[in-house]
PDB file of N, CA and C in Angstrom:
ATOM      1  N   MET A   1     113.753  95.821  98.686  1.00  0.00           N
ATOM      2  CA  MET A   1     113.490  96.301  97.341  1.00  0.00           C
ATOM      3  C   MET A   1     111.978  96.259  97.105  1.00  0.00           C
ATOM      4  N   PRO A   2     111.371  97.326  96.632  1.00  0.00           N
ATOM      5  CA  PRO A   2     109.925  97.350  96.394  1.00  0.00           C
ATOM      6  C   PRO A   2     109.521  96.418  95.257  1.00  0.00           C
ATOM      7  N   PRO A   3     108.270  95.920  95.305  1.00  0.00           N
ATOM      8  CA  PRO A   3     107.792  95.081  94.197  1.00  0.00           C
ATOM      9  C   PRO A   3     107.660  95.922  92.931  1.00  0.00           C
ATOM     10  N   VAL A   4     107.903  95.293  91.807  1.00  0.00           N
ATOM     11  CA  VAL A   4     107.853  95.989  90.522  1.00  0.00           C
ATOM     12  C   VAL A   4     106.905  95.236  89.601  1.00  0.00           C
ATOM     13  N   PRO A   5     105.877  95.909  89.068  1.00  0.00           N
ATOM     14  CA  PRO A   5     104.982  95.224  88.130  1.00  0.00           C
ATOM     15  C   PRO A   5     105.709  94.913  86.825  1.00  0.00           C
ATOM     16  N   SER A   6     105.198  93.920  86.111  1.00  0.00           N
ATOM     17  CA  SER A   6     105.821  93.555  84.837  1.00  0.00           C
ATOM     18  C   SER A   6     105.653  94.691  83.840  1.00  0.00           C
ATOM     19  N   ASP A   7     106.406  94.619  82.790  1.00  0.00           N
ATOM     20  CA  ASP A   7     106.357  95.667  81.768  1.00  0.00           C
ATOM     21  C   ASP A   7     105.272  95.414  80.720  1.00  0.00           C
ATOM     22  N   GLY A   8     104.435  94.395  80.936  1.00  0.00           N
ATOM     23  CA  GLY A   8     103.311  94.142  80.039  1.00  0.00           C
ATOM     24  C   GLY A   8     103.583  93.144  78.932  1.00  0.00           C
ATOM     25  N   ARG A   9     104.798  92.640  78.851  1.00  0.00           N
ATOM     26  CA  ARG A   9     105.087  91.654  77.813  1.00  0.00           C
ATOM     27  C   ARG A   9     104.382  90.344  78.140  1.00  0.00           C
ATOM     28  N   GLU A  10     103.790  89.718  77.158  1.00  0.00           N
ATOM     29  CA  GLU A  10     103.025  88.495  77.372  1.00  0.00           C
ATOM     30  C   GLU A  10     103.896  87.316  77.791  1.00  0.00           C
ATOM     31  N   GLU A  11     105.150  87.270  77.373  1.00  0.00           N
ATOM     32  CA  GLU A  11     105.991  86.126  77.681  1.00  0.00           C
ATOM     33  C   GLU A  11     106.513  86.139  79.118  1.00  0.00           C
ATOM     34  N   VAL A  12     106.347  87.242  79.831  1.00  0.00           N
ATOM     35  CA  VAL A  12     106.775  87.318  81.220  1.00  0.00           C
ATOM     36  C   VAL A  12     105.809  86.510  82.078  1.00  0.00           C
ATOM     37  N   GLU A  13     106.348  85.640  82.937  1.00  0.00           N
ATOM     38  CA  GLU A  13     105.501  84.752  83.727  1.00  0.00           C
ATOM     39  C   GLU A  13     105.230  85.257  85.128  1.00  0.00           C
ATOM     40  N   ASP A  14     105.828  86.339  85.549  1.00  0.00           N
ATOM     41  CA  ASP A  14     105.556  86.850  86.885  1.00  0.00           C
ATOM     42  C   ASP A  14     105.323  88.365  86.819  1.00  0.00           C
ATOM     43  N   GLY A  15     104.775  88.921  87.898  1.00  0.00           N
ATOM     44  CA  GLY A  15     104.519  90.350  87.942  1.00  0.00           C
ATOM     45  C   GLY A  15     103.137  90.760  87.479  1.00  0.00           C
ATOM     46  N   ARG A  16     102.375  89.840  86.930  1.00  0.00           N
ATOM     47  CA  ARG A  16     101.036  90.187  86.436  1.00  0.00           C
ATOM     48  C   ARG A  16     100.074  90.497  87.573  1.00  0.00           C
ATOM     49  N   GLY A  17     100.209  89.815  88.695  1.00  0.00           N
ATOM     50  CA  GLY A  17      99.323  90.038  89.837  1.00  0.00           C
ATOM     51  C   GLY A  17      99.420  91.460  90.352  1.00  0.00           C
ATOM     52  N   LEU A  18     100.623  91.991  90.431  1.00  0.00           N
ATOM     53  CA  LEU A  18     100.801  93.356  90.912  1.00  0.00           C
ATOM     54  C   LEU A  18     100.185  94.364  89.941  1.00  0.00           C
ATOM     55  N   ALA A  19     100.244  94.098  88.660  1.00  0.00           N
ATOM     56  CA  ALA A  19      99.604  94.980  87.680  1.00  0.00           C
ATOM     57  C   ALA A  19      98.092  95.005  87.899  1.00  0.00           C
ATOM     58  N   LEU A  20      97.498  93.854  88.220  1.00  0.00           N
ATOM     59  CA  LEU A  20      96.060  93.800  88.507  1.00  0.00           C
ATOM     60  C   LEU A  20      95.722  94.571  89.780  1.00  0.00           C
ATOM     61  N   VAL A  21      96.560  94.423  90.795  1.00  0.00           N
ATOM     62  CA  VAL A  21      96.338  95.163  92.042  1.00  0.00           C
ATOM     63  C   VAL A  21      96.379  96.660  91.765  1.00  0.00           C
ATOM     64  N   ARG A  22      97.361  97.114  91.042  1.00  0.00           N
ATOM     65  CA  ARG A  22      97.483  98.548  90.730  1.00  0.00           C
ATOM     66  C   ARG A  22      96.284  99.061  89.934  1.00  0.00           C
ATOM     67  N   ALA A  23      95.770  98.234  89.022  1.00  0.00           N
ATOM     68  CA  ALA A  23      94.657  98.651  88.178  1.00  0.00           C
ATOM     69  C   ALA A  23      93.338  98.733  88.948  1.00  0.00           C
ATOM     70  N   CYS A  24      93.148  97.863  89.938  1.00  0.00           N
ATOM     71  CA  CYS A  24      91.870  97.771  90.641  1.00  0.00           C
ATOM     72  C   CYS A  24      91.836  98.490  91.981  1.00  0.00           C
ATOM     73  N   ALA A  25      92.956  98.685  92.611  1.00  0.00           N
ATOM     74  CA  ALA A  25      92.992  99.213  93.977  1.00  0.00           C
ATOM     75  C   ALA A  25      92.943 100.735  94.000  1.00  0.00           C
ATOM     76  N   ASP A  26      92.301 101.248  95.027  1.00  0.00           N
ATOM     77  CA  ASP A  26      92.331 102.689  95.265  1.00  0.00           C
ATOM     78  C   ASP A  26      93.674 103.092  95.870  1.00  0.00           C
ATOM     79  N   VAL A  27      94.171 102.267  96.756  1.00  0.00           N
ATOM     80  CA  VAL A  27      95.451 102.484  97.419  1.00  0.00           C
ATOM     81  C   VAL A  27      96.126 101.134  97.572  1.00  0.00           C
ATOM     82  N   TRP A  28      97.431 101.071  97.404  1.00  0.00           N
ATOM     83  CA  TRP A  28      98.162  99.833  97.643  1.00  0.00           C
ATOM     84  C   TRP A  28      99.548 100.169  98.169  1.00  0.00           C
ATOM     85  N   GLY A  29     100.171  99.179  98.774  1.00  0.00           N
ATOM     86  CA  GLY A  29     101.510  99.368  99.296  1.00  0.00           C
ATOM     87  C   GLY A  29     102.143  98.030  99.597  1.00  0.00           C
ATOM     88  N   TRP A  30     103.288  98.068 100.229  1.00  0.00           N
ATOM     89  CA  TRP A  30     103.999  96.826 100.540  1.00  0.00           C
ATOM     90  C   TRP A  30     104.855  97.026 101.775  1.00  0.00           C
ATOM     91  N   GLN A  31     105.235  95.906 102.367  1.00  0.00           N
ATOM     92  CA  GLN A  31     106.146  95.886 103.504  1.00  0.00           C
ATOM     93  C   GLN A  31     107.045  94.671 103.359  1.00  0.00           C
ATOM     94  N   PRO A  32     108.283  94.779 103.812  1.00  0.00           N
ATOM     95  CA  PRO A  32     109.131  93.586 103.801  1.00  0.00           C
ATOM     96  C   PRO A  32     108.602  92.552 104.784  1.00  0.00           C
ATOM     97  N   LEU A  33     108.729  91.307 104.447  1.00  0.00           N
ATOM     98  CA  LEU A  33     108.282  90.214 105.298  1.00  0.00           C
ATOM     99  C   LEU A  33     109.515  89.552 105.901  1.00  0.00           C
ATOM    100  N   ALA A  34     109.725  89.771 107.188  1.00  0.00           N
ATOM    101  CA  ALA A  34     110.954  89.294 107.825  1.00  0.00           C
ATOM    102  C   ALA A  34     110.677  88.298 108.938  1.00  0.00           C
ATOM    103  N   ARG A  35     109.562  87.606 108.896  1.00  0.00           N
ATOM    104  CA  ARG A  35     109.253  86.608 109.917  1.00  0.00           C
ATOM    105  C   ARG A  35     109.927  85.291 109.612  1.00  0.00           C
ATOM    106  N   HIS A  36     110.476  84.685 110.625  1.00  0.00           N
ATOM    107  CA  HIS A  36     111.050  83.341 110.536  1.00  0.00           C
ATOM    108  C   HIS A  36     112.071  83.224 109.397  1.00  0.00           C
ATOM    109  N   GLY A  37     112.828  84.271 109.161  1.00  0.00           N
ATOM    110  CA  GLY A  37     113.881  84.235 108.150  1.00  0.00           C
ATOM    111  C   GLY A  37     113.412  84.456 106.727  1.00  0.00           C
ATOM    112  N   SER A  38     112.112  84.706 106.528  1.00  0.00           N
ATOM    113  CA  SER A  38     111.602  84.938 105.174  1.00  0.00           C
ATOM    114  C   SER A  38     112.121  86.273 104.646  1.00  0.00           C
ATOM    115  N   GLN A  39     112.397  86.335 103.368  1.00  0.00           N
ATOM    116  CA  GLN A  39     112.872  87.569 102.756  1.00  0.00           C
ATOM    117  C   GLN A  39     111.904  88.055 101.680  1.00  0.00           C
ATOM    118  N   GLY A  40     110.631  87.706 101.815  1.00  0.00           N
ATOM    119  CA  GLY A  40     109.638  88.081 100.824  1.00  0.00           C
ATOM    120  C   GLY A  40     109.044  89.453 101.083  1.00  0.00           C
ATOM    121  N   LYS A  41     107.926  89.704 100.440  1.00  0.00           N
ATOM    122  CA  LYS A  41     107.213  90.976 100.564  1.00  0.00           C
ATOM    123  C   LYS A  41     105.747  90.717 100.869  1.00  0.00           C
ATOM    124  N   TYR A  42     105.154  91.632 101.587  1.00  0.00           N
ATOM    125  CA  TYR A  42     103.730  91.598 101.913  1.00  0.00           C
ATOM    126  C   TYR A  42     103.094  92.758 101.166  1.00  0.00           C
ATOM    127  N   VAL A  43     102.225  92.481 100.200  1.00  0.00           N
ATOM    128  CA  VAL A  43     101.556  93.516  99.408  1.00  0.00           C
ATOM    129  C   VAL A  43     100.116  93.625  99.892  1.00  0.00           C
ATOM    130  N   TRP A  44      99.641  94.836 100.111  1.00  0.00           N
ATOM    131  CA  TRP A  44      98.280  95.068 100.580  1.00  0.00           C
ATOM    132  C   TRP A  44      97.611  96.077  99.653  1.00  0.00           C
ATOM    133  N   CYS A  45      96.261  96.087  99.688  1.00  0.00           N
ATOM    134  CA  CYS A  45      95.529  97.073  98.896  1.00  0.00           C
ATOM    135  C   CYS A  45      94.182  97.368  99.556  1.00  0.00           C
ATOM    136  N   GLU A  46      93.623  98.496  99.197  1.00  0.00           N
ATOM    137  CA  GLU A  46      92.278  98.882  99.617  1.00  0.00           C
ATOM    138  C   GLU A  46      91.437  99.057  98.372  1.00  0.00           C
ATOM    139  N   LEU A  47      90.264  98.435  98.379  1.00  0.00           N
ATOM    140  CA  LEU A  47      89.334  98.520  97.261  1.00  0.00           C
ATOM    141  C   LEU A  47      88.115  99.311  97.672  1.00  0.00           C
ATOM    142  N   GLY A  48      87.677 100.221  96.841  1.00  0.00           N
ATOM    143  CA  GLY A  48      86.480 100.998  97.120  1.00  0.00           C
ATOM    144  C   GLY A  48      85.230 100.189  96.844  1.00  0.00           C
ATOM    145  N   ALA A  49      84.151 100.564  97.501  1.00  0.00           N
ATOM    146  CA  ALA A  49      82.869  99.893  97.270  1.00  0.00           C
ATOM    147  C   ALA A  49      82.356 100.236  95.872  1.00  0.00           C
ATOM    148  N   ALA A  50      81.799  99.256  95.221  1.00  0.00           N
ATOM    149  CA  ALA A  50      81.269  99.475  93.864  1.00  0.00           C
ATOM    150  C   ALA A  50      79.869 100.008  93.915  1.00  0.00           C
TER     151      ALA A  50
END
């Protein structure tokens, strides 16, 4: 399942990091993390030079 950013509500305690990545990154994506039985996600991004 792909990562989903929060809907912007202040009381939500997770998902804020992905919103920051989306706002700052030129390109971003994700891959499932299946090493050693982990069921998490690996999120990556590319940032342009300022």
